[in-house]
């Protein structure tokens, strides 16, 4: 499928992240040559390998679970980390970002699915972080928004409800906090993958993570 056809003309402000995990450098280069600059990986070692071989103006997105001991390996070049799922990880990124004097863009991953295997903060935990001014002391983080992954199900109503709940949470905290703290930007809502991105766009997502529709099924 053509990348332009995925987003469509009604979503010009949407960022499409081409999920390139497991895909060879040659395929990524081909998609890049067609004008795609945002790519997503879920493993640090693979991300670093591809960063070293591919054009340096690519916007790399970390979309998988990030271990604290690997944070410093990607901070110098990472564009956006989608998968922030713990306070300890937030603190680690702040500390490592300070060491290299770089502000790091992050999204808080929220657990919206009916699956225990997925990571993320609960809704109440996210609210507590903002209500308790947790982010006020940070200098090297930009909290750009939220990310969520829906339940793997054929029930489109359930998927829509999960995305809608996340959008409501996003709007609630944005209305209260994005003008209070210079580190709280809240301009990004990352939800939707190859199987559910159309519903995500309808529910207000402005970052979608698309793999198989661009690269084909995993080899």
N, C-alpha and C. Protein backbone atom coordinates (compact mmCIF):
# COMPACT_ATOMS: atom_id res chain seq x y z
N UNK A 1 0.84 -1.20 0.00
CA UNK A 1 0.00 0.00 0.00
C UNK A 1 0.87 1.25 0.00
N UNK A 2 0.48 2.24 -0.81
CA UNK A 2 1.21 3.50 -0.85
C UNK A 2 1.06 4.24 0.48
N UNK A 3 2.15 4.79 0.99
CA UNK A 3 2.13 5.47 2.28
C UNK A 3 1.13 6.62 2.29
N UNK A 4 1.07 7.37 1.22
CA UNK A 4 0.15 8.50 1.16
C UNK A 4 -1.30 8.05 1.28
N UNK A 5 -1.59 6.85 0.79
CA UNK A 5 -2.95 6.33 0.86
C UNK A 5 -3.34 5.94 2.27
N UNK A 6 -2.37 5.61 3.11
CA UNK A 6 -2.66 5.19 4.48
C UNK A 6 -3.20 6.35 5.29
N UNK A 7 -2.50 7.47 5.26
CA UNK A 7 -2.92 8.63 6.04
C UNK A 7 -4.13 9.30 5.41
N UNK A 8 -4.10 9.50 4.10
CA UNK A 8 -5.21 10.15 3.43
C UNK A 8 -5.10 11.67 3.51
N UNK A 9 -5.86 12.33 2.69
CA UNK A 9 -5.79 13.79 2.58
C UNK A 9 -6.38 14.51 3.78
N UNK A 10 -7.17 13.82 4.60
CA UNK A 10 -7.82 14.47 5.74
C UNK A 10 -6.97 14.46 7.01
N UNK A 11 -5.79 13.88 6.94
CA UNK A 11 -4.94 13.76 8.13
C UNK A 11 -3.53 14.28 7.85
N UNK A 12 -3.46 15.49 7.33
CA UNK A 12 -2.18 16.08 6.94
C UNK A 12 -1.27 16.31 8.14
N UNK A 13 -1.83 16.47 9.32
CA UNK A 13 -1.02 16.72 10.51
C UNK A 13 -0.67 15.44 11.27
N UNK A 14 -0.95 14.31 10.64
CA UNK A 14 -0.65 13.02 11.26
C UNK A 14 0.74 12.54 10.86
N UNK A 15 1.48 12.02 11.81
CA UNK A 15 2.78 11.43 11.54
C UNK A 15 2.63 9.92 11.40
N UNK A 16 3.10 9.41 10.28
CA UNK A 16 3.11 7.97 10.07
C UNK A 16 4.50 7.45 10.39
N UNK A 17 4.58 6.57 11.37
CA UNK A 17 5.84 5.92 11.72
C UNK A 17 5.87 4.56 11.04
N UNK A 18 6.80 4.39 10.13
CA UNK A 18 6.96 3.10 9.45
C UNK A 18 7.69 2.15 10.38
N UNK A 19 7.01 1.12 10.84
CA UNK A 19 7.59 0.19 11.81
C UNK A 19 8.50 -0.78 11.06
N UNK A 20 9.80 -0.57 11.24
CA UNK A 20 10.79 -1.28 10.44
C UNK A 20 11.46 -2.42 11.17
N UNK A 21 10.93 -2.79 12.33
CA UNK A 21 11.54 -3.88 13.11
C UNK A 21 11.58 -5.15 12.28
N UNK A 22 12.67 -5.84 12.34
CA UNK A 22 12.98 -7.10 11.62
C UNK A 22 13.21 -6.90 10.12
N UNK A 23 13.04 -5.67 9.62
CA UNK A 23 13.18 -5.44 8.19
C UNK A 23 14.62 -5.07 7.86
N UNK A 24 15.13 -5.55 6.73
CA UNK A 24 16.52 -5.27 6.37
C UNK A 24 16.72 -3.80 6.00
N UNK A 25 17.96 -3.37 6.13
CA UNK A 25 18.32 -1.99 5.84
C UNK A 25 17.93 -1.60 4.41
N UNK A 26 18.07 -2.53 3.48
CA UNK A 26 17.77 -2.23 2.08
C UNK A 26 16.31 -1.84 1.89
N UNK A 27 15.41 -2.51 2.59
CA UNK A 27 13.99 -2.18 2.47
C UNK A 27 13.68 -0.83 3.10
N UNK A 28 14.34 -0.54 4.22
CA UNK A 28 14.13 0.76 4.87
C UNK A 28 14.64 1.87 3.98
N UNK A 29 15.81 1.66 3.38
CA UNK A 29 16.37 2.67 2.47
C UNK A 29 15.43 2.93 1.31
N UNK A 30 14.79 1.89 0.80
CA UNK A 30 13.86 2.05 -0.32
C UNK A 30 12.67 2.92 0.08
N UNK A 31 12.11 2.65 1.26
CA UNK A 31 10.98 3.44 1.73
C UNK A 31 11.42 4.88 2.01
N UNK A 32 12.62 5.04 2.56
CA UNK A 32 13.17 6.37 2.80
C UNK A 32 13.31 7.14 1.49
N UNK A 33 13.77 6.48 0.47
CA UNK A 33 13.94 7.12 -0.84
C UNK A 33 12.63 7.60 -1.42
N UNK A 34 11.53 7.01 -0.96
CA UNK A 34 10.20 7.41 -1.43
C UNK A 34 9.65 8.58 -0.62
N UNK A 35 10.42 9.05 0.37
CA UNK A 35 10.02 10.24 1.11
C UNK A 35 9.66 10.02 2.57
N UNK A 36 9.71 8.78 3.05
CA UNK A 36 9.38 8.48 4.45
C UNK A 36 10.59 8.75 5.34
N UNK A 37 10.43 9.53 6.42
CA UNK A 37 11.58 9.81 7.29
C UNK A 37 11.37 9.35 8.73
N UNK A 38 10.18 8.93 9.11
CA UNK A 38 9.91 8.46 10.47
C UNK A 38 9.84 6.94 10.47
N UNK A 39 10.73 6.33 11.27
CA UNK A 39 10.78 4.87 11.35
C UNK A 39 10.80 4.44 12.81
N UNK A 40 10.16 3.31 13.09
CA UNK A 40 10.05 2.83 14.46
C UNK A 40 10.67 1.47 14.67
N UNK A 41 11.41 1.32 15.77
CA UNK A 41 12.02 0.05 16.13
C UNK A 41 11.65 -0.29 17.57
N UNK A 42 11.68 -1.59 17.90
CA UNK A 42 11.32 -1.99 19.26
C UNK A 42 12.46 -2.67 20.02
N UNK A 43 13.63 -2.80 19.39
CA UNK A 43 14.79 -3.38 20.05
C UNK A 43 15.98 -2.44 19.90
N UNK A 44 16.63 -2.16 21.01
CA UNK A 44 17.70 -1.17 21.01
C UNK A 44 18.85 -1.57 20.10
N UNK A 45 19.31 -2.80 20.17
CA UNK A 45 20.46 -3.22 19.36
C UNK A 45 20.18 -3.10 17.87
N UNK A 46 18.98 -3.47 17.47
CA UNK A 46 18.61 -3.37 16.06
C UNK A 46 18.48 -1.91 15.64
N UNK A 47 17.96 -1.10 16.53
CA UNK A 47 17.83 0.33 16.27
C UNK A 47 19.20 0.97 16.03
N UNK A 48 20.15 0.68 16.90
CA UNK A 48 21.50 1.25 16.77
C UNK A 48 22.17 0.77 15.47
N UNK A 49 22.02 -0.49 15.17
CA UNK A 49 22.60 -1.05 13.94
C UNK A 49 22.08 -0.29 12.72
N UNK A 50 20.78 -0.07 12.66
CA UNK A 50 20.19 0.58 11.50
C UNK A 50 20.52 2.08 11.47
N UNK A 51 20.56 2.69 12.64
CA UNK A 51 20.95 4.10 12.70
C UNK A 51 22.33 4.32 12.10
N UNK A 52 23.25 3.43 12.39
CA UNK A 52 24.62 3.57 11.91
C UNK A 52 24.75 3.41 10.40
N UNK A 53 23.81 2.70 9.78
CA UNK A 53 23.91 2.39 8.35
C UNK A 53 23.04 3.27 7.46
N UNK A 54 22.06 3.93 8.04
CA UNK A 54 21.07 4.65 7.24
C UNK A 54 21.25 6.17 7.37
N UNK A 55 20.58 6.95 6.49
CA UNK A 55 20.73 8.41 6.51
C UNK A 55 20.46 9.00 7.88
N UNK A 56 21.22 10.01 8.23
CA UNK A 56 21.16 10.57 9.58
C UNK A 56 20.01 11.54 9.79
N UNK A 57 19.27 11.86 8.74
CA UNK A 57 18.10 12.73 8.95
C UNK A 57 16.82 11.93 9.19
N UNK A 58 16.94 10.62 9.35
CA UNK A 58 15.78 9.80 9.72
C UNK A 58 15.37 10.14 11.15
N UNK A 59 14.07 10.25 11.38
CA UNK A 59 13.52 10.40 12.73
C UNK A 59 13.26 9.01 13.29
N UNK A 60 14.10 8.58 14.23
CA UNK A 60 13.94 7.24 14.81
C UNK A 60 13.04 7.29 16.04
N UNK A 61 12.06 6.38 16.06
CA UNK A 61 11.11 6.27 17.16
C UNK A 61 11.35 4.95 17.88
N UNK A 62 11.51 5.01 19.19
CA UNK A 62 11.59 3.79 20.00
C UNK A 62 10.18 3.43 20.43
N UNK A 63 9.65 2.31 19.92
CA UNK A 63 8.26 1.98 20.18
C UNK A 63 8.11 0.74 21.06
N UNK A 64 9.22 0.06 21.36
CA UNK A 64 9.15 -1.14 22.19
C UNK A 64 9.53 -0.87 23.62
N UNK A 65 9.37 -1.88 24.45
CA UNK A 65 9.74 -1.77 25.86
C UNK A 65 11.22 -1.44 25.98
N UNK A 66 11.55 -0.41 26.75
CA UNK A 66 12.92 0.08 26.86
C UNK A 66 13.48 -0.24 28.25
N UNK A 67 14.57 -0.98 28.26
CA UNK A 67 15.25 -1.29 29.52
C UNK A 67 16.11 -0.11 29.96
N UNK A 68 16.15 0.12 31.25
CA UNK A 68 16.87 1.30 31.76
C UNK A 68 18.36 1.25 31.43
N UNK A 69 18.93 0.06 31.44
CA UNK A 69 20.37 -0.03 31.19
C UNK A 69 20.75 0.22 29.73
N UNK A 70 19.76 0.39 28.87
CA UNK A 70 20.05 0.67 27.46
C UNK A 70 19.65 2.08 27.04
N UNK A 71 19.13 2.85 27.98
CA UNK A 71 18.66 4.20 27.67
C UNK A 71 19.77 5.04 27.03
N UNK A 72 20.94 5.06 27.64
CA UNK A 72 22.01 5.96 27.19
C UNK A 72 22.50 5.63 25.79
N UNK A 73 22.23 4.42 25.32
CA UNK A 73 22.69 4.01 24.00
C UNK A 73 21.93 4.69 22.87
N UNK A 74 20.68 5.07 23.12
CA UNK A 74 19.87 5.64 22.04
C UNK A 74 19.61 7.14 22.19
N UNK A 75 19.86 7.70 23.37
CA UNK A 75 19.51 9.10 23.60
C UNK A 75 20.18 10.07 22.64
N UNK A 76 21.43 9.87 22.24
CA UNK A 76 22.06 10.86 21.37
C UNK A 76 21.34 11.09 20.04
N UNK A 77 20.58 10.11 19.56
CA UNK A 77 19.98 10.26 18.24
C UNK A 77 18.47 10.02 18.20
N UNK A 78 17.88 9.58 19.28
CA UNK A 78 16.46 9.21 19.22
C UNK A 78 15.58 10.45 19.04
N UNK A 79 14.55 10.30 18.22
CA UNK A 79 13.63 11.42 17.96
C UNK A 79 12.50 11.45 18.98
N UNK A 80 11.93 10.28 19.27
CA UNK A 80 10.80 10.20 20.20
C UNK A 80 10.74 8.79 20.78
N UNK A 81 10.60 8.71 22.10
CA UNK A 81 10.40 7.43 22.78
C UNK A 81 8.93 7.30 23.14
N UNK A 82 8.26 6.31 22.56
CA UNK A 82 6.82 6.14 22.75
C UNK A 82 6.48 5.35 24.01
N UNK A 83 7.43 4.58 24.51
CA UNK A 83 7.11 3.49 25.42
C UNK A 83 7.57 3.73 26.87
N UNK A 84 7.32 4.92 27.37
CA UNK A 84 7.70 5.24 28.74
C UNK A 84 6.63 4.67 29.67
N UNK A 85 7.02 3.66 30.47
CA UNK A 85 6.01 2.92 31.23
C UNK A 85 6.30 2.83 32.72
N UNK A 86 7.26 3.61 33.23
CA UNK A 86 7.54 3.58 34.66
C UNK A 86 8.22 4.86 35.10
N UNK A 87 8.07 5.19 36.37
CA UNK A 87 8.72 6.36 36.95
C UNK A 87 10.23 6.17 36.94
N UNK A 88 10.68 4.98 37.20
CA UNK A 88 12.13 4.71 37.21
C UNK A 88 12.74 4.97 35.83
N UNK A 89 12.02 4.63 34.78
CA UNK A 89 12.50 4.88 33.43
C UNK A 89 12.54 6.38 33.13
N UNK A 90 11.53 7.11 33.59
CA UNK A 90 11.52 8.56 33.41
C UNK A 90 12.74 9.18 34.09
N UNK A 91 12.99 8.79 35.32
CA UNK A 91 14.14 9.33 36.05
C UNK A 91 15.46 8.99 35.35
N UNK A 92 15.56 7.80 34.83
CA UNK A 92 16.78 7.38 34.14
C UNK A 92 17.00 8.22 32.89
N UNK A 93 15.96 8.46 32.12
CA UNK A 93 16.10 9.25 30.90
C UNK A 93 16.48 10.69 31.22
N UNK A 94 15.89 11.24 32.27
CA UNK A 94 16.26 12.59 32.70
C UNK A 94 17.75 12.66 33.06
N UNK A 95 18.22 11.72 33.83
CA UNK A 95 19.61 11.72 34.27
C UNK A 95 20.59 11.54 33.11
N UNK A 96 20.28 10.62 32.21
CA UNK A 96 21.16 10.38 31.07
C UNK A 96 21.11 11.52 30.07
N UNK A 97 19.95 12.16 29.93
CA UNK A 97 19.83 13.30 29.03
C UNK A 97 20.63 14.49 29.55
N UNK A 98 20.66 14.64 30.85
CA UNK A 98 21.44 15.71 31.46
C UNK A 98 22.93 15.54 31.14
N UNK A 99 23.40 14.31 31.15
CA UNK A 99 24.82 14.05 30.90
C UNK A 99 25.26 14.48 29.51
N UNK A 100 24.36 14.42 28.55
CA UNK A 100 24.72 14.80 27.18
C UNK A 100 24.10 16.14 26.79
N UNK A 101 23.46 16.79 27.76
CA UNK A 101 22.87 18.12 27.54
C UNK A 101 21.90 18.12 26.36
N UNK A 102 20.99 17.18 26.39
CA UNK A 102 20.00 17.07 25.32
C UNK A 102 18.62 16.86 25.90
N UNK A 103 17.65 17.55 25.33
CA UNK A 103 16.27 17.37 25.76
C UNK A 103 15.67 16.19 24.99
N UNK A 104 15.07 15.27 25.70
CA UNK A 104 14.55 14.05 25.08
C UNK A 104 13.03 14.08 25.05
N UNK A 105 12.47 13.78 23.88
CA UNK A 105 11.02 13.74 23.70
C UNK A 105 10.48 12.37 24.11
N UNK A 106 9.44 12.37 24.95
CA UNK A 106 8.87 11.10 25.41
C UNK A 106 7.35 11.13 25.34
N UNK A 107 6.78 9.94 25.23
CA UNK A 107 5.35 9.72 25.40
C UNK A 107 5.16 8.77 26.57
N UNK A 108 4.14 8.99 27.36
CA UNK A 108 3.79 8.06 28.43
C UNK A 108 2.91 6.96 27.85
N UNK A 109 3.34 5.71 28.00
CA UNK A 109 2.54 4.60 27.52
C UNK A 109 1.46 4.28 28.54
N UNK A 110 0.22 4.24 28.06
CA UNK A 110 -0.92 3.98 28.93
C UNK A 110 -1.50 2.62 28.59
N UNK A 111 -1.79 1.84 29.62
CA UNK A 111 -2.35 0.49 29.42
C UNK A 111 -3.84 0.63 29.18
N UNK A 112 -4.24 0.45 27.92
CA UNK A 112 -5.66 0.60 27.57
C UNK A 112 -6.30 -0.72 27.17
N UNK A 113 -5.51 -1.77 26.98
CA UNK A 113 -6.01 -3.02 26.44
C UNK A 113 -6.49 -3.97 27.53
N UNK A 114 -7.25 -4.97 27.11
CA UNK A 114 -7.70 -6.04 28.00
C UNK A 114 -6.70 -7.19 27.98
N UNK A 115 -5.43 -6.85 27.99
CA UNK A 115 -4.36 -7.85 27.93
C UNK A 115 -3.29 -7.48 28.94
N UNK A 116 -2.94 -8.41 29.80
CA UNK A 116 -1.94 -8.15 30.82
C UNK A 116 -0.52 -8.11 30.27
N UNK A 117 -0.32 -8.64 29.07
CA UNK A 117 1.02 -8.70 28.52
C UNK A 117 1.52 -7.34 28.03
N UNK A 118 0.62 -6.40 27.83
CA UNK A 118 1.02 -5.08 27.36
C UNK A 118 1.46 -4.22 28.55
N UNK A 119 2.44 -3.34 28.30
CA UNK A 119 2.99 -2.49 29.34
C UNK A 119 2.21 -1.18 29.41
N UNK A 120 2.50 -0.39 30.44
CA UNK A 120 1.95 0.96 30.51
C UNK A 120 1.42 1.35 31.87
N UNK A 121 1.32 2.66 32.07
CA UNK A 121 0.70 3.22 33.26
C UNK A 121 -0.81 2.99 33.21
N UNK A 122 -1.43 2.93 34.37
CA UNK A 122 -2.89 2.97 34.41
C UNK A 122 -3.35 4.41 34.23
N UNK A 123 -4.63 4.59 33.97
CA UNK A 123 -5.17 5.94 33.81
C UNK A 123 -4.96 6.76 35.08
N UNK A 124 -5.21 6.14 36.22
CA UNK A 124 -5.07 6.87 37.49
C UNK A 124 -3.63 7.24 37.76
N UNK A 125 -2.69 6.39 37.38
CA UNK A 125 -1.27 6.70 37.57
C UNK A 125 -0.85 7.89 36.72
N UNK A 126 -1.34 7.96 35.50
CA UNK A 126 -1.03 9.10 34.64
C UNK A 126 -1.57 10.39 35.25
N UNK A 127 -2.80 10.34 35.70
CA UNK A 127 -3.40 11.53 36.31
C UNK A 127 -2.61 11.96 37.54
N UNK A 128 -2.17 11.00 38.34
CA UNK A 128 -1.41 11.32 39.55
C UNK A 128 -0.09 12.00 39.20
N UNK A 129 0.57 11.54 38.16
CA UNK A 129 1.84 12.15 37.77
C UNK A 129 1.67 13.63 37.47
N UNK A 130 0.60 13.97 36.79
CA UNK A 130 0.36 15.38 36.45
C UNK A 130 -0.21 16.16 37.62
N UNK A 131 -1.15 15.57 38.34
CA UNK A 131 -1.79 16.27 39.46
C UNK A 131 -0.81 16.57 40.58
N UNK A 132 0.20 15.71 40.74
CA UNK A 132 1.17 15.88 41.81
C UNK A 132 2.43 16.63 41.37
N UNK A 133 2.35 17.27 40.22
CA UNK A 133 3.46 18.09 39.71
C UNK A 133 4.76 17.31 39.58
N UNK A 134 4.65 16.04 39.26
CA UNK A 134 5.83 15.18 39.16
C UNK A 134 6.86 15.71 38.17
N UNK A 135 6.39 16.31 37.07
CA UNK A 135 7.30 16.71 36.01
C UNK A 135 7.94 18.08 36.22
N UNK A 136 7.56 18.78 37.27
CA UNK A 136 8.04 20.15 37.46
C UNK A 136 9.54 20.25 37.64
N UNK A 137 10.16 19.23 38.20
CA UNK A 137 11.58 19.31 38.50
C UNK A 137 12.48 18.88 37.34
N UNK A 138 11.89 18.38 36.28
CA UNK A 138 12.69 17.87 35.17
C UNK A 138 13.11 18.99 34.23
N UNK A 139 14.33 18.91 33.75
CA UNK A 139 14.87 19.92 32.85
C UNK A 139 15.20 19.38 31.47
N UNK A 140 15.33 18.06 31.35
CA UNK A 140 15.82 17.48 30.10
C UNK A 140 14.81 16.54 29.45
N UNK A 141 13.56 16.68 29.83
CA UNK A 141 12.48 15.91 29.22
C UNK A 141 11.45 16.84 28.60
N UNK A 142 10.92 16.43 27.46
CA UNK A 142 9.74 17.07 26.89
C UNK A 142 8.65 16.01 26.84
N UNK A 143 7.61 16.21 27.65
CA UNK A 143 6.51 15.24 27.68
C UNK A 143 5.56 15.62 26.55
N UNK A 144 5.64 14.86 25.47
CA UNK A 144 4.92 15.23 24.25
C UNK A 144 3.51 14.67 24.19
N UNK A 145 3.21 13.67 25.02
CA UNK A 145 1.86 13.13 24.98
C UNK A 145 1.77 11.72 25.48
N UNK A 146 0.82 10.97 24.90
CA UNK A 146 0.51 9.62 25.37
C UNK A 146 0.56 8.63 24.21
N UNK A 147 0.77 7.37 24.57
CA UNK A 147 0.73 6.27 23.60
C UNK A 147 -0.09 5.13 24.18
N UNK A 148 -0.84 4.45 23.33
CA UNK A 148 -1.59 3.29 23.78
C UNK A 148 -1.73 2.26 22.69
N UNK A 149 -1.83 0.99 23.11
CA UNK A 149 -2.02 -0.12 22.19
C UNK A 149 -3.32 -0.83 22.53
N UNK A 150 -4.18 -0.96 21.56
CA UNK A 150 -5.49 -1.56 21.80
C UNK A 150 -5.39 -3.07 21.95
N UNK A 151 -6.47 -3.65 22.43
CA UNK A 151 -6.56 -5.10 22.55
C UNK A 151 -6.51 -5.74 21.16
N UNK A 152 -5.82 -6.87 21.06
CA UNK A 152 -5.78 -7.62 19.81
C UNK A 152 -7.08 -8.41 19.70
N UNK A 153 -8.03 -7.83 18.99
CA UNK A 153 -9.37 -8.41 18.91
C UNK A 153 -10.04 -7.97 17.61
N UNK A 154 -11.04 -8.73 17.19
CA UNK A 154 -11.84 -8.35 16.02
C UNK A 154 -13.01 -7.45 16.40
N UNK A 155 -13.17 -7.20 17.69
CA UNK A 155 -14.28 -6.38 18.18
C UNK A 155 -13.92 -4.91 18.00
N UNK A 156 -14.40 -4.31 16.91
CA UNK A 156 -14.06 -2.92 16.60
C UNK A 156 -14.64 -1.95 17.61
N UNK A 157 -15.76 -2.30 18.20
CA UNK A 157 -16.35 -1.42 19.22
C UNK A 157 -15.45 -1.34 20.45
N UNK A 158 -14.86 -2.46 20.82
CA UNK A 158 -13.95 -2.45 21.97
C UNK A 158 -12.71 -1.62 21.66
N UNK A 159 -12.15 -1.80 20.46
CA UNK A 159 -10.98 -1.02 20.06
C UNK A 159 -11.29 0.47 20.07
N UNK A 160 -12.45 0.82 19.52
CA UNK A 160 -12.85 2.23 19.48
C UNK A 160 -13.01 2.80 20.89
N UNK A 161 -13.59 2.02 21.77
CA UNK A 161 -13.77 2.47 23.15
C UNK A 161 -12.43 2.71 23.83
N UNK A 162 -11.48 1.81 23.60
CA UNK A 162 -10.15 1.96 24.22
C UNK A 162 -9.44 3.20 23.70
N UNK A 163 -9.52 3.43 22.39
CA UNK A 163 -8.89 4.62 21.83
C UNK A 163 -9.60 5.88 22.30
N UNK A 164 -10.90 5.84 22.37
CA UNK A 164 -11.66 7.00 22.82
C UNK A 164 -11.34 7.35 24.26
N UNK A 165 -11.20 6.33 25.11
CA UNK A 165 -10.85 6.58 26.51
C UNK A 165 -9.48 7.25 26.62
N UNK A 166 -8.54 6.82 25.79
CA UNK A 166 -7.21 7.43 25.83
C UNK A 166 -7.25 8.86 25.33
N UNK A 167 -8.05 9.11 24.30
CA UNK A 167 -8.18 10.48 23.79
C UNK A 167 -8.81 11.39 24.84
N UNK A 168 -9.77 10.90 25.58
CA UNK A 168 -10.39 11.69 26.64
C UNK A 168 -9.37 12.03 27.73
N UNK A 169 -8.54 11.05 28.09
CA UNK A 169 -7.49 11.30 29.08
C UNK A 169 -6.50 12.33 28.56
N UNK A 170 -6.10 12.18 27.32
CA UNK A 170 -5.17 13.12 26.69
C UNK A 170 -5.73 14.54 26.72
N UNK A 171 -6.98 14.69 26.34
CA UNK A 171 -7.61 16.02 26.31
C UNK A 171 -7.72 16.60 27.71
N UNK A 172 -8.01 15.75 28.68
CA UNK A 172 -8.16 16.22 30.06
C UNK A 172 -6.85 16.79 30.61
N UNK A 173 -5.77 16.04 30.45
CA UNK A 173 -4.51 16.54 31.01
C UNK A 173 -3.96 17.70 30.17
N UNK A 174 -4.23 17.68 28.88
CA UNK A 174 -3.76 18.78 28.03
C UNK A 174 -4.43 20.09 28.40
N UNK A 175 -5.70 20.03 28.71
CA UNK A 175 -6.44 21.25 29.04
C UNK A 175 -5.96 21.87 30.34
N UNK A 176 -5.36 21.06 31.21
CA UNK A 176 -4.94 21.57 32.51
C UNK A 176 -3.45 21.88 32.61
N UNK A 177 -2.62 21.21 31.81
CA UNK A 177 -1.20 21.24 32.13
C UNK A 177 -0.26 21.71 31.03
N UNK A 178 -0.68 21.73 29.76
CA UNK A 178 0.34 22.00 28.75
C UNK A 178 0.79 23.45 28.69
N UNK A 179 0.10 24.35 29.39
CA UNK A 179 0.53 25.74 29.44
C UNK A 179 1.11 26.12 30.80
N UNK A 180 1.22 25.14 31.67
CA UNK A 180 1.70 25.39 33.02
C UNK A 180 3.20 25.15 33.13
N UNK A 181 3.69 24.16 32.43
CA UNK A 181 5.09 23.74 32.55
C UNK A 181 5.70 23.67 31.15
N UNK A 182 6.85 24.31 30.96
CA UNK A 182 7.47 24.36 29.63
C UNK A 182 7.90 22.99 29.13
N UNK A 183 8.02 22.01 30.04
CA UNK A 183 8.40 20.66 29.65
C UNK A 183 7.21 19.81 29.21
N UNK A 184 6.00 20.29 29.47
CA UNK A 184 4.79 19.54 29.13
C UNK A 184 4.20 20.14 27.87
N UNK A 185 4.42 19.46 26.75
CA UNK A 185 4.00 19.97 25.45
C UNK A 185 2.63 19.42 25.07
N UNK A 186 2.48 18.11 25.18
CA UNK A 186 1.20 17.43 24.95
C UNK A 186 0.60 17.76 23.58
N UNK A 187 1.38 17.46 22.55
CA UNK A 187 0.90 17.66 21.18
C UNK A 187 0.81 16.35 20.40
N UNK A 188 1.06 15.22 21.07
CA UNK A 188 1.15 13.95 20.35
C UNK A 188 0.35 12.85 21.03
N UNK A 189 -0.48 12.19 20.24
CA UNK A 189 -1.25 11.04 20.72
C UNK A 189 -0.98 9.89 19.77
N UNK A 190 -0.20 8.92 20.23
CA UNK A 190 0.24 7.80 19.40
C UNK A 190 -0.63 6.58 19.65
N UNK A 191 -1.50 6.29 18.71
CA UNK A 191 -2.32 5.08 18.82
C UNK A 191 -2.76 4.67 17.42
N UNK A 192 -2.75 3.37 17.21
CA UNK A 192 -3.14 2.84 15.91
C UNK A 192 -1.99 2.17 15.20
N UNK A 193 -2.22 0.91 14.79
CA UNK A 193 -1.26 0.14 14.01
C UNK A 193 -1.94 -0.37 12.75
N UNK A 194 -1.29 -1.28 12.04
CA UNK A 194 -1.81 -1.69 10.73
C UNK A 194 -3.26 -2.19 10.79
N UNK A 195 -3.61 -2.89 11.87
CA UNK A 195 -4.94 -3.48 11.94
C UNK A 195 -6.03 -2.57 12.45
N UNK A 196 -5.66 -1.45 13.10
CA UNK A 196 -6.69 -0.61 13.72
C UNK A 196 -6.45 0.89 13.54
N UNK A 197 -5.55 1.26 12.63
CA UNK A 197 -5.18 2.67 12.51
C UNK A 197 -6.34 3.55 12.03
N UNK A 198 -7.25 2.99 11.22
CA UNK A 198 -8.37 3.80 10.74
C UNK A 198 -9.26 4.22 11.90
N UNK A 199 -9.51 3.31 12.82
CA UNK A 199 -10.30 3.65 14.01
C UNK A 199 -9.54 4.66 14.86
N UNK A 200 -8.24 4.47 14.99
CA UNK A 200 -7.42 5.38 15.79
C UNK A 200 -7.47 6.80 15.23
N UNK A 201 -7.39 6.93 13.91
CA UNK A 201 -7.46 8.25 13.30
C UNK A 201 -8.82 8.90 13.55
N UNK A 202 -9.86 8.10 13.46
CA UNK A 202 -11.21 8.62 13.72
C UNK A 202 -11.36 9.08 15.17
N UNK A 203 -10.61 8.45 16.07
CA UNK A 203 -10.71 8.78 17.49
C UNK A 203 -9.69 9.82 17.94
N UNK A 204 -8.92 10.38 17.00
CA UNK A 204 -8.08 11.52 17.34
C UNK A 204 -6.59 11.30 17.38
N UNK A 205 -6.12 10.13 16.97
CA UNK A 205 -4.69 9.89 16.94
C UNK A 205 -4.01 10.81 15.93
N UNK A 206 -2.80 11.28 16.26
CA UNK A 206 -2.01 12.01 15.26
C UNK A 206 -0.62 11.39 15.04
N UNK A 207 -0.42 10.21 15.61
CA UNK A 207 0.75 9.38 15.26
C UNK A 207 0.26 7.94 15.12
N UNK A 208 0.49 7.35 13.96
CA UNK A 208 0.13 5.95 13.76
C UNK A 208 1.40 5.17 13.43
N UNK A 209 1.43 3.91 13.87
CA UNK A 209 2.62 3.07 13.74
C UNK A 209 2.28 1.90 12.80
N UNK A 210 2.78 1.96 11.59
CA UNK A 210 2.35 1.03 10.55
C UNK A 210 3.54 0.19 10.08
N UNK A 211 3.39 -1.12 10.17
CA UNK A 211 4.45 -2.02 9.73
C UNK A 211 4.08 -2.83 8.52
N UNK A 212 3.20 -3.82 8.69
CA UNK A 212 2.92 -4.79 7.63
C UNK A 212 2.30 -4.16 6.37
N UNK A 213 1.53 -3.11 6.53
CA UNK A 213 0.93 -2.47 5.36
C UNK A 213 1.98 -1.80 4.48
N UNK A 214 3.11 -1.47 5.06
CA UNK A 214 4.20 -0.83 4.30
C UNK A 214 5.23 -1.85 3.84
N UNK A 215 5.68 -2.69 4.76
CA UNK A 215 6.78 -3.60 4.47
C UNK A 215 6.33 -5.01 4.11
N UNK A 216 5.06 -5.32 4.33
CA UNK A 216 4.61 -6.69 4.16
C UNK A 216 4.69 -7.44 5.49
N UNK A 217 4.17 -8.63 5.54
CA UNK A 217 4.17 -9.40 6.75
C UNK A 217 5.58 -9.77 7.17
N UNK A 218 5.76 -9.99 8.48
CA UNK A 218 7.08 -10.32 9.04
C UNK A 218 7.63 -11.60 8.40
N UNK A 219 8.90 -11.53 8.06
CA UNK A 219 9.54 -12.66 7.39
C UNK A 219 10.11 -13.65 8.40
